[in-house]
Amino acid sequence: QRTNTPYTSTPACTVTYQVTGTATKGGDYADFGGSAVLPSGQAGSNYV
């Protein structure tokens, strides 16, 4: 999520992330990708 104010005209943005840890992807948990799209900054929709 955004921690700054999601102004209504703020465009959508794609966030990439990396998953690390001692658990194993595909063995201990299902793959949940490496990117997510934050929708344009409408009130109440500032997270994915």
PDB file of all heavy atoms in Angstrom:
ATOM      1  N   GLN A   1       0.816  -1.203   0.000  1.00  0.00           N
ATOM      2  CA  GLN A   1       0.000   0.000   0.000  1.00  0.00           C
ATOM      3  C   GLN A   1       0.857   1.263   0.000  1.00  0.00           C
ATOM      4  O   GLN A   1       2.025   1.239   0.369  1.00  0.00           O
ATOM      5  CB  GLN A   1      -0.936   0.013   1.208  1.00  0.00           C
ATOM      6  CG  GLN A   1      -0.239   0.169   2.536  1.00  0.00           C
ATOM      7  CD  GLN A   1      -1.236   0.184   3.695  1.00  0.00           C
ATOM      8  OE1 GLN A   1      -2.404  -0.155   3.531  1.00  0.00           O
ATOM      9  NE2 GLN A   1      -0.778   0.576   4.869  1.00  0.00           N
ATOM     10  N   ARG A   2       0.233   2.322  -0.449  1.00  0.00           N
ATOM     11  CA  ARG A   2       0.851   3.640  -0.364  1.00  0.00           C
ATOM     12  C   ARG A   2       0.720   4.164   1.057  1.00  0.00           C
ATOM     13  O   ARG A   2      -0.322   4.023   1.686  1.00  0.00           O
ATOM     14  CB  ARG A   2       0.156   4.628  -1.313  1.00  0.00           C
ATOM     15  CG  ARG A   2       0.249   4.304  -2.792  1.00  0.00           C
ATOM     16  CD  ARG A   2      -0.484   5.385  -3.591  1.00  0.00           C
ATOM     17  NE  ARG A   2      -0.378   5.191  -5.020  1.00  0.00           N
ATOM     18  CZ  ARG A   2      -1.284   4.560  -5.760  1.00  0.00           C
ATOM     19  NH1 ARG A   2      -2.363   4.062  -5.179  1.00  0.00           N
ATOM     20  NH2 ARG A   2      -1.127   4.430  -7.048  1.00  0.00           N
ATOM     21  N   THR A   3       1.764   4.798   1.526  1.00  0.00           N
ATOM     22  CA  THR A   3       1.683   5.432   2.842  1.00  0.00           C
ATOM     23  C   THR A   3       1.461   6.936   2.713  1.00  0.00           C
ATOM     24  O   THR A   3       1.151   7.597   3.704  1.00  0.00           O
ATOM     25  CB  THR A   3       2.969   5.185   3.653  1.00  0.00           C
ATOM     26  OG1 THR A   3       4.105   5.702   2.940  1.00  0.00           O
ATOM     27  CG2 THR A   3       3.175   3.703   3.895  1.00  0.00           C
ATOM     28  N   ASN A   4       1.622   7.496   1.497  1.00  0.00           N
ATOM     29  CA  ASN A   4       1.271   8.901   1.284  1.00  0.00           C
ATOM     30  C   ASN A   4      -0.148   8.985   0.757  1.00  0.00           C
ATOM     31  O   ASN A   4      -0.744   7.988   0.357  1.00  0.00           O
ATOM     32  CB  ASN A   4       2.264   9.593   0.342  1.00  0.00           C
ATOM     33  CG  ASN A   4       2.390   8.899  -0.993  1.00  0.00           C
ATOM     34  OD1 ASN A   4       2.299   7.676  -1.073  1.00  0.00           O
ATOM     35  ND2 ASN A   4       2.601   9.652  -2.054  1.00  0.00           N
ATOM     36  N   THR A   5      -0.704  10.184   0.758  1.00  0.00           N
ATOM     37  CA  THR A   5      -2.099  10.376   0.368  1.00  0.00           C
ATOM     38  C   THR A   5      -2.335   9.922  -1.062  1.00  0.00           C
ATOM     39  O   THR A   5      -1.633  10.359  -1.976  1.00  0.00           O
ATOM     40  CB  THR A   5      -2.476  11.857   0.498  1.00  0.00           C
ATOM     41  OG1 THR A   5      -2.227  12.272   1.845  1.00  0.00           O
ATOM     42  CG2 THR A   5      -3.943  12.078   0.177  1.00  0.00           C
ATOM     43  N   PRO A   6      -3.298   9.041  -1.323  1.00  0.00           N
ATOM     44  CA  PRO A   6      -3.587   8.591  -2.678  1.00  0.00           C
ATOM     45  C   PRO A   6      -4.459   9.609  -3.416  1.00  0.00           C
ATOM     46  O   PRO A   6      -5.675   9.479  -3.477  1.00  0.00           O
ATOM     47  CB  PRO A   6      -4.321   7.277  -2.468  1.00  0.00           C
ATOM     48  CG  PRO A   6      -5.019   7.464  -1.160  1.00  0.00           C
ATOM     49  CD  PRO A   6      -4.129   8.342  -0.332  1.00  0.00           C
ATOM     50  N   TYR A   7      -3.855  10.671  -3.945  1.00  0.00           N
ATOM     51  CA  TYR A   7      -4.618  11.686  -4.657  1.00  0.00           C
ATOM     52  C   TYR A   7      -5.416  11.031  -5.784  1.00  0.00           C
ATOM     53  O   TYR A   7      -4.965  10.088  -6.426  1.00  0.00           O
ATOM     54  CB  TYR A   7      -3.683  12.751  -5.218  1.00  0.00           C
ATOM     55  CG  TYR A   7      -2.878  13.441  -4.152  1.00  0.00           C
ATOM     56  CD1 TYR A   7      -1.526  13.173  -3.990  1.00  0.00           C
ATOM     57  CD2 TYR A   7      -3.488  14.338  -3.281  1.00  0.00           C
ATOM     58  CE1 TYR A   7      -0.789  13.800  -2.998  1.00  0.00           C
ATOM     59  CE2 TYR A   7      -2.767  14.960  -2.296  1.00  0.00           C
ATOM     60  CZ  TYR A   7      -1.416  14.694  -2.150  1.00  0.00           C
ATOM     61  OH  TYR A   7      -0.697  15.303  -1.167  1.00  0.00           O
ATOM     62  N   THR A   8      -6.598  11.538  -6.038  1.00  0.00           N
ATOM     63  CA  THR A   8      -7.509  10.875  -6.960  1.00  0.00           C
ATOM     64  C   THR A   8      -6.981  10.783  -8.374  1.00  0.00           C
ATOM     65  O   THR A   8      -7.381   9.909  -9.129  1.00  0.00           O
ATOM     66  CB  THR A   8      -8.868  11.591  -6.968  1.00  0.00           C
ATOM     67  OG1 THR A   8      -8.672  12.970  -7.287  1.00  0.00           O
ATOM     68  CG2 THR A   8      -9.556  11.482  -5.621  1.00  0.00           C
ATOM     69  N   SER A   9      -6.066  11.679  -8.775  1.00  0.00           N
ATOM     70  CA  SER A   9      -5.536  11.616 -10.135  1.00  0.00           C
ATOM     71  C   SER A   9      -4.192  10.909 -10.214  1.00  0.00           C
ATOM     72  O   SER A   9      -3.562  10.874 -11.264  1.00  0.00           O
ATOM     73  CB  SER A   9      -5.411  13.031 -10.719  1.00  0.00           C
ATOM     74  OG  SER A   9      -4.597  13.830  -9.898  1.00  0.00           O
ATOM     75  N   THR A  10      -3.717  10.346  -9.092  1.00  0.00           N
ATOM     76  CA  THR A  10      -2.468   9.592  -9.127  1.00  0.00           C
ATOM     77  C   THR A  10      -2.638   8.361 -10.013  1.00  0.00           C
ATOM     78  O   THR A  10      -3.555   7.576  -9.812  1.00  0.00           O
ATOM     79  CB  THR A  10      -2.053   9.138  -7.717  1.00  0.00           C
ATOM     80  OG1 THR A  10      -1.907  10.288  -6.891  1.00  0.00           O
ATOM     81  CG2 THR A  10      -0.748   8.363  -7.748  1.00  0.00           C
ATOM     82  N   PRO A  11      -1.769   8.154 -11.002  1.00  0.00           N
ATOM     83  CA  PRO A  11      -1.945   7.000 -11.891  1.00  0.00           C
ATOM     84  C   PRO A  11      -1.606   5.695 -11.192  1.00  0.00           C
ATOM     85  O   PRO A  11      -0.940   5.668 -10.156  1.00  0.00           O
ATOM     86  CB  PRO A  11      -0.956   7.296 -13.027  1.00  0.00           C
ATOM     87  CG  PRO A  11       0.086   8.170 -12.415  1.00  0.00           C
ATOM     88  CD  PRO A  11      -0.623   9.002 -11.391  1.00  0.00           C
ATOM     89  N   ALA A  12      -2.074   4.611 -11.784  1.00  0.00           N
ATOM     90  CA  ALA A  12      -1.721   3.281 -11.280  1.00  0.00           C
ATOM     91  C   ALA A  12      -0.222   3.049 -11.437  1.00  0.00           C
ATOM     92  O   ALA A  12       0.426   3.647 -12.291  1.00  0.00           O
ATOM     93  CB  ALA A  12      -2.507   2.217 -12.039  1.00  0.00           C
ATOM     94  N   CYS A  13       0.323   2.199 -10.580  1.00  0.00           N
ATOM     95  CA  CYS A  13       1.743   1.864 -10.709  1.00  0.00           C
ATOM     96  C   CYS A  13       1.945   0.385 -10.421  1.00  0.00           C
ATOM     97  O   CYS A  13       1.208  -0.234  -9.650  1.00  0.00           O
ATOM     98  CB  CYS A  13       2.603   2.728  -9.782  1.00  0.00           C
ATOM     99  SG  CYS A  13       2.452   2.340  -8.026  1.00  0.00           S
ATOM    100  N   THR A  14       2.942  -0.195 -11.079  1.00  0.00           N
ATOM    101  CA  THR A  14       3.281  -1.600 -10.894  1.00  0.00           C
ATOM    102  C   THR A  14       4.428  -1.716  -9.900  1.00  0.00           C
ATOM    103  O   THR A  14       5.467  -1.063 -10.059  1.00  0.00           O
ATOM    104  CB  THR A  14       3.679  -2.249 -12.225  1.00  0.00           C
ATOM    105  OG1 THR A  14       2.586  -2.161 -13.143  1.00  0.00           O
ATOM    106  CG2 THR A  14       4.058  -3.710 -12.029  1.00  0.00           C
ATOM    107  N   VAL A  15       4.238  -2.517  -8.873  1.00  0.00           N
ATOM    108  CA  VAL A  15       5.240  -2.737  -7.828  1.00  0.00           C
ATOM    109  C   VAL A  15       5.816  -4.141  -7.998  1.00  0.00           C
ATOM    110  O   VAL A  15       5.066  -5.125  -8.094  1.00  0.00           O
ATOM    111  CB  VAL A  15       4.615  -2.602  -6.425  1.00  0.00           C
ATOM    112  CG1 VAL A  15       5.668  -2.817  -5.347  1.00  0.00           C
ATOM    113  CG2 VAL A  15       3.943  -1.247  -6.273  1.00  0.00           C
ATOM    114  N   THR A  16       7.120  -4.237  -8.061  1.00  0.00           N
ATOM    115  CA  THR A  16       7.767  -5.556  -8.104  1.00  0.00           C
ATOM    116  C   THR A  16       8.351  -5.870  -6.729  1.00  0.00           C
ATOM    117  O   THR A  16       8.790  -4.966  -6.012  1.00  0.00           O
ATOM    118  CB  THR A  16       8.886  -5.585  -9.161  1.00  0.00           C
ATOM    119  OG1 THR A  16       9.857  -4.580  -8.869  1.00  0.00           O
ATOM    120  CG2 THR A  16       8.325  -5.331 -10.548  1.00  0.00           C
ATOM    121  N   TYR A  17       8.342  -7.131  -6.369  1.00  0.00           N
ATOM    122  CA  TYR A  17       8.848  -7.533  -5.063  1.00  0.00           C
ATOM    123  C   TYR A  17       9.527  -8.895  -5.174  1.00  0.00           C
ATOM    124  O   TYR A  17       9.306  -9.665  -6.109  1.00  0.00           O
ATOM    125  CB  TYR A  17       7.728  -7.563  -4.017  1.00  0.00           C
ATOM    126  CG  TYR A  17       6.546  -8.417  -4.392  1.00  0.00           C
ATOM    127  CD1 TYR A  17       6.517  -9.788  -4.099  1.00  0.00           C
ATOM    128  CD2 TYR A  17       5.440  -7.853  -5.037  1.00  0.00           C
ATOM    129  CE1 TYR A  17       5.432 -10.567  -4.449  1.00  0.00           C
ATOM    130  CE2 TYR A  17       4.348  -8.635  -5.387  1.00  0.00           C
ATOM    131  CZ  TYR A  17       4.347  -9.980  -5.092  1.00  0.00           C
ATOM    132  OH  TYR A  17       3.273 -10.764  -5.439  1.00  0.00           O
ATOM    133  N   GLN A  18      10.367  -9.192  -4.189  1.00  0.00           N
ATOM    134  CA  GLN A  18      11.098 -10.458  -4.133  1.00  0.00           C
ATOM    135  C   GLN A  18      10.735 -11.172  -2.841  1.00  0.00           C
ATOM    136  O   GLN A  18      10.662 -10.541  -1.780  1.00  0.00           O
ATOM    137  CB  GLN A  18      12.605 -10.211  -4.191  1.00  0.00           C
ATOM    138  CG  GLN A  18      13.446 -11.469  -4.211  1.00  0.00           C
ATOM    139  CD  GLN A  18      14.938 -11.155  -4.302  1.00  0.00           C
ATOM    140  OE1 GLN A  18      15.350 -10.001  -4.144  1.00  0.00           O
ATOM    141  NE2 GLN A  18      15.735 -12.178  -4.557  1.00  0.00           N
ATOM    142  N   VAL A  19      10.496 -12.478  -2.920  1.00  0.00           N
ATOM    143  CA  VAL A  19      10.119 -13.280  -1.759  1.00  0.00           C
ATOM    144  C   VAL A  19      11.330 -14.087  -1.312  1.00  0.00           C
ATOM    145  O   VAL A  19      11.945 -14.813  -2.104  1.00  0.00           O
ATOM    146  CB  VAL A  19       8.947 -14.225  -2.091  1.00  0.00           C
ATOM    147  CG1 VAL A  19       8.547 -15.034  -0.863  1.00  0.00           C
ATOM    148  CG2 VAL A  19       7.763 -13.434  -2.631  1.00  0.00           C
ATOM    149  N   THR A  20      11.706 -13.956  -0.045  1.00  0.00           N
ATOM    150  CA  THR A  20      12.842 -14.698   0.522  1.00  0.00           C
ATOM    151  C   THR A  20      12.410 -15.344   1.835  1.00  0.00           C
ATOM    152  O   THR A  20      11.310 -15.114   2.327  1.00  0.00           O
ATOM    153  CB  THR A  20      14.045 -13.765   0.775  1.00  0.00           C
ATOM    154  OG1 THR A  20      13.670 -12.749   1.712  1.00  0.00           O
ATOM    155  CG2 THR A  20      14.518 -13.116  -0.516  1.00  0.00           C
ATOM    156  N   GLY A  21      13.257 -16.136   2.413  1.00  0.00           N
ATOM    157  CA  GLY A  21      12.982 -16.782   3.697  1.00  0.00           C
ATOM    158  C   GLY A  21      13.378 -18.248   3.680  1.00  0.00           C
ATOM    159  O   GLY A  21      13.888 -18.775   2.674  1.00  0.00           O
ATOM    160  N   THR A  22      13.145 -18.920   4.808  1.00  0.00           N
ATOM    161  CA  THR A  22      13.540 -20.326   4.932  1.00  0.00           C
ATOM    162  C   THR A  22      12.493 -21.273   4.344  1.00  0.00           C
ATOM    163  O   THR A  22      12.805 -22.441   4.051  1.00  0.00           O
ATOM    164  CB  THR A  22      13.774 -20.683   6.412  1.00  0.00           C
ATOM    165  OG1 THR A  22      12.593 -20.401   7.167  1.00  0.00           O
ATOM    166  CG2 THR A  22      14.934 -19.864   6.978  1.00  0.00           C
ATOM    167  N   ALA A  23      11.256 -20.829   4.212  1.00  0.00           N
ATOM    168  CA  ALA A  23      10.223 -21.656   3.574  1.00  0.00           C
ATOM    169  C   ALA A  23      10.489 -21.728   2.074  1.00  0.00           C
ATOM    170  O   ALA A  23      11.058 -20.798   1.478  1.00  0.00           O
ATOM    171  CB  ALA A  23       8.839 -21.094   3.849  1.00  0.00           C
ATOM    172  N   THR A  24      10.063 -22.837   1.456  1.00  0.00           N
ATOM    173  CA  THR A  24      10.349 -23.078   0.049  1.00  0.00           C
ATOM    174  C   THR A  24       9.098 -22.891  -0.804  1.00  0.00           C
ATOM    175  O   THR A  24       8.053 -23.489  -0.519  1.00  0.00           O
ATOM    176  CB  THR A  24      10.877 -24.510  -0.160  1.00  0.00           C
ATOM    177  OG1 THR A  24      12.039 -24.697   0.649  1.00  0.00           O
ATOM    178  CG2 THR A  24      11.244 -24.752  -1.615  1.00  0.00           C
ATOM    179  N   LYS A  25       9.257 -22.048  -1.840  1.00  0.00           N
ATOM    180  CA  LYS A  25       8.142 -21.844  -2.764  1.00  0.00           C
ATOM    181  C   LYS A  25       7.832 -23.135  -3.508  1.00  0.00           C
ATOM    182  O   LYS A  25       8.728 -23.823  -3.985  1.00  0.00           O
ATOM    183  CB  LYS A  25       8.487 -20.741  -3.760  1.00  0.00           C
ATOM    184  CG  LYS A  25       7.385 -20.454  -4.778  1.00  0.00           C
ATOM    185  CD  LYS A  25       7.773 -19.307  -5.698  1.00  0.00           C
ATOM    186  CE  LYS A  25       8.931 -19.683  -6.613  1.00  0.00           C
ATOM    187  NZ  LYS A  25       9.243 -18.620  -7.597  1.00  0.00           N
ATOM    188  N   GLY A  26       6.560 -23.488  -3.592  1.00  0.00           N
ATOM    189  CA  GLY A  26       6.150 -24.712  -4.273  1.00  0.00           C
ATOM    190  C   GLY A  26       6.147 -25.916  -3.369  1.00  0.00           C
ATOM    191  O   GLY A  26       5.494 -26.919  -3.669  1.00  0.00           O
ATOM    192  N   GLY A  27       6.900 -25.839  -2.243  1.00  0.00           N
ATOM    193  CA  GLY A  27       6.901 -26.932  -1.270  1.00  0.00           C
ATOM    194  C   GLY A  27       6.135 -26.548  -0.026  1.00  0.00           C
ATOM    195  O   GLY A  27       5.246 -27.271   0.439  1.00  0.00           O
ATOM    196  N   ASP A  28       6.474 -25.359   0.530  1.00  0.00           N
ATOM    197  CA  ASP A  28       5.812 -24.895   1.756  1.00  0.00           C
ATOM    198  C   ASP A  28       4.670 -23.905   1.474  1.00  0.00           C
ATOM    199  O   ASP A  28       3.783 -23.738   2.309  1.00  0.00           O
ATOM    200  CB  ASP A  28       6.830 -24.225   2.680  1.00  0.00           C
ATOM    201  CG  ASP A  28       7.924 -25.194   3.107  1.00  0.00           C
ATOM    202  OD1 ASP A  28       7.579 -26.297   3.575  1.00  0.00           O
ATOM    203  OD2 ASP A  28       9.109 -24.842   2.963  1.00  0.00           O
ATOM    204  N   TYR A  29       4.714 -23.247   0.345  1.00  0.00           N
ATOM    205  CA  TYR A  29       3.651 -22.292   0.001  1.00  0.00           C
ATOM    206  C   TYR A  29       3.543 -22.178  -1.523  1.00  0.00           C
ATOM    207  O   TYR A  29       4.487 -22.494  -2.247  1.00  0.00           O
ATOM    208  CB  TYR A  29       3.911 -20.914   0.620  1.00  0.00           C
ATOM    209  CG  TYR A  29       5.186 -20.253   0.134  1.00  0.00           C
ATOM    210  CD1 TYR A  29       5.193 -19.429  -0.996  1.00  0.00           C
ATOM    211  CD2 TYR A  29       6.386 -20.449   0.797  1.00  0.00           C
ATOM    212  CE1 TYR A  29       6.349 -18.822  -1.441  1.00  0.00           C
ATOM    213  CE2 TYR A  29       7.565 -19.848   0.362  1.00  0.00           C
ATOM    214  CZ  TYR A  29       7.537 -19.027  -0.749  1.00  0.00           C
ATOM    215  OH  TYR A  29       8.696 -18.442  -1.198  1.00  0.00           O
ATOM    216  N   ALA A  30       2.384 -21.770  -1.969  1.00  0.00           N
ATOM    217  CA  ALA A  30       2.154 -21.607  -3.406  1.00  0.00           C
ATOM    218  C   ALA A  30       2.766 -20.294  -3.886  1.00  0.00           C
ATOM    219  O   ALA A  30       2.854 -19.310  -3.141  1.00  0.00           O
ATOM    220  CB  ALA A  30       0.656 -21.629  -3.706  1.00  0.00           C
ATOM    221  N   ASP A  31       3.198 -20.307  -5.111  1.00  0.00           N
ATOM    222  CA  ASP A  31       3.782 -19.105  -5.714  1.00  0.00           C
ATOM    223  C   ASP A  31       2.727 -17.994  -5.793  1.00  0.00           C
ATOM    224  O   ASP A  31       1.603 -18.223  -6.231  1.00  0.00           O
ATOM    225  CB  ASP A  31       4.286 -19.455  -7.122  1.00  0.00           C
ATOM    226  CG  ASP A  31       4.960 -18.263  -7.804  1.00  0.00           C
ATOM    227  OD1 ASP A  31       5.312 -17.293  -7.104  1.00  0.00           O
ATOM    228  OD2 ASP A  31       5.124 -18.312  -9.037  1.00  0.00           O
ATOM    229  N   PHE A  32       3.059 -16.799  -5.304  1.00  0.00           N
ATOM    230  CA  PHE A  32       2.128 -15.666  -5.439  1.00  0.00           C
ATOM    231  C   PHE A  32       2.760 -14.510  -6.201  1.00  0.00           C
ATOM    232  O   PHE A  32       2.449 -13.349  -6.006  1.00  0.00           O
ATOM    233  CB  PHE A  32       1.581 -15.212  -4.078  1.00  0.00           C
ATOM    234  CG  PHE A  32       2.609 -14.918  -3.023  1.00  0.00           C
ATOM    235  CD1 PHE A  32       3.141 -13.649  -2.882  1.00  0.00           C
ATOM    236  CD2 PHE A  32       3.033 -15.932  -2.165  1.00  0.00           C
ATOM    237  CE1 PHE A  32       4.063 -13.370  -1.888  1.00  0.00           C
ATOM    238  CE2 PHE A  32       3.961 -15.660  -1.178  1.00  0.00           C
ATOM    239  CZ  PHE A  32       4.482 -14.382  -1.030  1.00  0.00           C
ATOM    240  N   GLY A  33       3.632 -14.866  -7.140  1.00  0.00           N
ATOM    241  CA  GLY A  33       4.132 -13.891  -8.099  1.00  0.00           C
ATOM    242  C   GLY A  33       5.211 -12.977  -7.554  1.00  0.00           C
ATOM    243  O   GLY A  33       5.715 -13.162  -6.445  1.00  0.00           O
ATOM    244  N   GLY A  34       5.558 -11.984  -8.383  1.00  0.00           N
ATOM    245  CA  GLY A  34       6.601 -11.038  -7.999  1.00  0.00           C
ATOM    246  C   GLY A  34       6.243  -9.610  -8.328  1.00  0.00           C
ATOM    247  O   GLY A  34       7.111  -8.732  -8.286  1.00  0.00           O
ATOM    248  N   SER A  35       4.978  -9.372  -8.656  1.00  0.00           N
ATOM    249  CA  SER A  35       4.568  -7.994  -8.944  1.00  0.00           C
ATOM    250  C   SER A  35       3.087  -7.827  -8.657  1.00  0.00           C
ATOM    251  O   SER A  35       2.326  -8.804  -8.625  1.00  0.00           O
ATOM    252  CB  SER A  35       4.858  -7.626 -10.403  1.00  0.00           C
ATOM    253  OG  SER A  35       4.050  -8.378 -11.282  1.00  0.00           O
ATOM    254  N   ALA A  36       2.689  -6.594  -8.421  1.00  0.00           N
ATOM    255  CA  ALA A  36       1.289  -6.256  -8.177  1.00  0.00           C
ATOM    256  C   ALA A  36       1.051  -4.851  -8.701  1.00  0.00           C
ATOM    257  O   ALA A  36       1.975  -4.038  -8.773  1.00  0.00           O
ATOM    258  CB  ALA A  36       0.959  -6.337  -6.697  1.00  0.00           C
ATOM    259  N   VAL A  37      -0.182  -4.570  -9.076  1.00  0.00           N
ATOM    260  CA  VAL A  37      -0.546  -3.253  -9.598  1.00  0.00           C
ATOM    261  C   VAL A  37      -1.350  -2.498  -8.553  1.00  0.00           C
ATOM    262  O   VAL A  37      -2.394  -2.974  -8.101  1.00  0.00           O
ATOM    263  CB  VAL A  37      -1.356  -3.370 -10.900  1.00  0.00           C
ATOM    264  CG1 VAL A  37      -1.792  -1.987 -11.381  1.00  0.00           C
ATOM    265  CG2 VAL A  37      -0.524  -4.065 -11.978  1.00  0.00           C
ATOM    266  N   LEU A  38      -0.840  -1.346  -8.159  1.00  0.00           N
ATOM    267  CA  LEU A  38      -1.611  -0.454  -7.297  1.00  0.00           C
ATOM    268  C   LEU A  38      -2.542   0.357  -8.196  1.00  0.00           C
ATOM    269  O   LEU A  38      -2.077   1.049  -9.097  1.00  0.00           O
ATOM    270  CB  LEU A  38      -0.690   0.497  -6.533  1.00  0.00           C
ATOM    271  CG  LEU A  38       0.097  -0.108  -5.372  1.00  0.00           C
ATOM    272  CD1 LEU A  38       1.161   0.865  -4.907  1.00  0.00           C
ATOM    273  CD2 LEU A  38      -0.834  -0.427  -4.219  1.00  0.00           C
ATOM    274  N   PRO A  39      -3.841   0.311  -7.983  1.00  0.00           N
ATOM    275  CA  PRO A  39      -4.767   1.057  -8.842  1.00  0.00           C
ATOM    276  C   PRO A  39      -4.599   2.562  -8.661  1.00  0.00           C
ATOM    277  O   PRO A  39      -3.983   3.019  -7.699  1.00  0.00           O
ATOM    278  CB  PRO A  39      -6.142   0.589  -8.376  1.00  0.00           C
ATOM    279  CG  PRO A  39      -5.936   0.113  -6.979  1.00  0.00           C
ATOM    280  CD  PRO A  39      -4.543  -0.431  -6.922  1.00  0.00           C
ATOM    281  N   SER A  40      -5.135   3.303  -9.588  1.00  0.00           N
ATOM    282  CA  SER A  40      -5.052   4.755  -9.488  1.00  0.00           C
ATOM    283  C   SER A  40      -5.655   5.220  -8.174  1.00  0.00           C
ATOM    284  O   SER A  40      -6.555   4.576  -7.630  1.00  0.00           O
ATOM    285  CB  SER A  40      -5.772   5.418 -10.671  1.00  0.00           C
ATOM    286  OG  SER A  40      -7.122   5.020 -10.716  1.00  0.00           O
ATOM    287  N   GLY A  41      -5.121   6.317  -7.666  1.00  0.00           N
ATOM    288  CA  GLY A  41      -5.374   6.710  -6.289  1.00  0.00           C
ATOM    289  C   GLY A  41      -6.775   7.162  -5.970  1.00  0.00           C
ATOM    290  O   GLY A  41      -7.028   8.351  -5.775  1.00  0.00           O
ATOM    291  N   GLN A  42      -7.676   6.251  -5.896  1.00  0.00           N
ATOM    292  CA  GLN A  42      -9.023   6.553  -5.434  1.00  0.00           C
ATOM    293  C   GLN A  42      -9.097   6.291  -3.932  1.00  0.00           C
ATOM    294  O   GLN A  42      -8.417   5.418  -3.403  1.00  0.00           O
ATOM    295  CB  GLN A  42     -10.046   5.677  -6.170  1.00  0.00           C
ATOM    296  CG  GLN A  42     -10.026   5.846  -7.674  1.00  0.00           C
ATOM    297  CD  GLN A  42     -10.484   7.218  -8.111  1.00  0.00           C
ATOM    298  OE1 GLN A  42     -11.334   7.817  -7.470  1.00  0.00           O
ATOM    299  NE2 GLN A  42      -9.927   7.721  -9.191  1.00  0.00           N
ATOM    300  N   ALA A  43      -9.897   7.063  -3.265  1.00  0.00           N
ATOM    301  CA  ALA A  43     -10.032   6.882  -1.825  1.00  0.00           C
ATOM    302  C   ALA A  43     -10.489   5.459  -1.508  1.00  0.00           C
ATOM    303  O   ALA A  43     -11.433   4.952  -2.089  1.00  0.00           O
ATOM    304  CB  ALA A  43     -11.033   7.887  -1.261  1.00  0.00           C
ATOM    305  N   GLY A  44      -9.795   4.793  -0.576  1.00  0.00           N
ATOM    306  CA  GLY A  44     -10.156   3.450  -0.161  1.00  0.00           C
ATOM    307  C   GLY A  44      -9.644   2.357  -1.066  1.00  0.00           C
ATOM    308  O   GLY A  44      -9.976   1.188  -0.872  1.00  0.00           O
ATOM    309  N   SER A  45      -8.842   2.657  -2.062  1.00  0.00           N
ATOM    310  CA  SER A  45      -8.328   1.624  -2.969  1.00  0.00           C
ATOM    311  C   SER A  45      -6.818   1.756  -3.118  1.00  0.00           C
ATOM    312  O   SER A  45      -6.276   1.629  -4.190  1.00  0.00           O
ATOM    313  CB  SER A  45      -8.994   1.704  -4.333  1.00  0.00           C
ATOM    314  OG  SER A  45      -8.695   2.940  -4.949  1.00  0.00           O
ATOM    315  N   ASN A  46      -6.168   2.017  -2.006  1.00  0.00           N
ATOM    316  CA  ASN A  46      -4.734   2.272  -2.081  1.00  0.00           C
ATOM    317  C   ASN A  46      -3.882   1.062  -1.709  1.00  0.00           C
ATOM    318  O   ASN A  46      -2.744   1.195  -1.316  1.00  0.00           O
ATOM    319  CB  ASN A  46      -4.364   3.450  -1.176  1.00  0.00           C
ATOM    320  CG  ASN A  46      -4.602   3.158   0.295  1.00  0.00           C
ATOM    321  OD1 ASN A  46      -5.499   2.395   0.612  1.00  0.00           O
ATOM    322  ND2 ASN A  46      -3.809   3.755   1.156  1.00  0.00           N
ATOM    323  N   TYR A  47      -4.468  -0.156  -1.824  1.00  0.00           N
ATOM    324  CA  TYR A  47      -3.660  -1.328  -1.552  1.00  0.00           C
ATOM    325  C   TYR A  47      -4.072  -2.481  -2.456  1.00  0.00           C
ATOM    326  O   TYR A  47      -5.127  -2.462  -3.060  1.00  0.00           O
ATOM    327  CB  TYR A  47      -3.754  -1.741  -0.085  1.00  0.00           C
ATOM    328  CG  TYR A  47      -5.134  -2.164   0.344  1.00  0.00           C
ATOM    329  CD1 TYR A  47      -5.528  -3.484   0.233  1.00  0.00           C
ATOM    330  CD2 TYR A  47      -6.033  -1.248   0.865  1.00  0.00           C
ATOM    331  CE1 TYR A  47      -6.799  -3.890   0.597  1.00  0.00           C
ATOM    332  CE2 TYR A  47      -7.299  -1.634   1.241  1.00  0.00           C
ATOM    333  CZ  TYR A  47      -7.691  -2.953   1.109  1.00  0.00           C
ATOM    334  OH  TYR A  47      -8.946  -3.341   1.482  1.00  0.00           O
ATOM    335  N   VAL A  48      -3.199  -3.481  -2.503  1.00  0.00           N
ATOM    336  CA  VAL A  48      -3.454  -4.670  -3.310  1.00  0.00           C
ATOM    337  C   VAL A  48      -3.258  -5.889  -2.431  1.00  0.00           C
ATOM    338  O   VAL A  48      -2.302  -5.971  -1.659  1.00  0.00           O
ATOM    339  CB  VAL A  48      -2.477  -4.724  -4.510  1.00  0.00           C
ATOM    340  CG1 VAL A  48      -2.415  -6.123  -5.099  1.00  0.00           C
ATOM    341  CG2 VAL A  48      -2.914  -3.755  -5.576  1.00  0.00           C
TER     342      VAL A  48
END
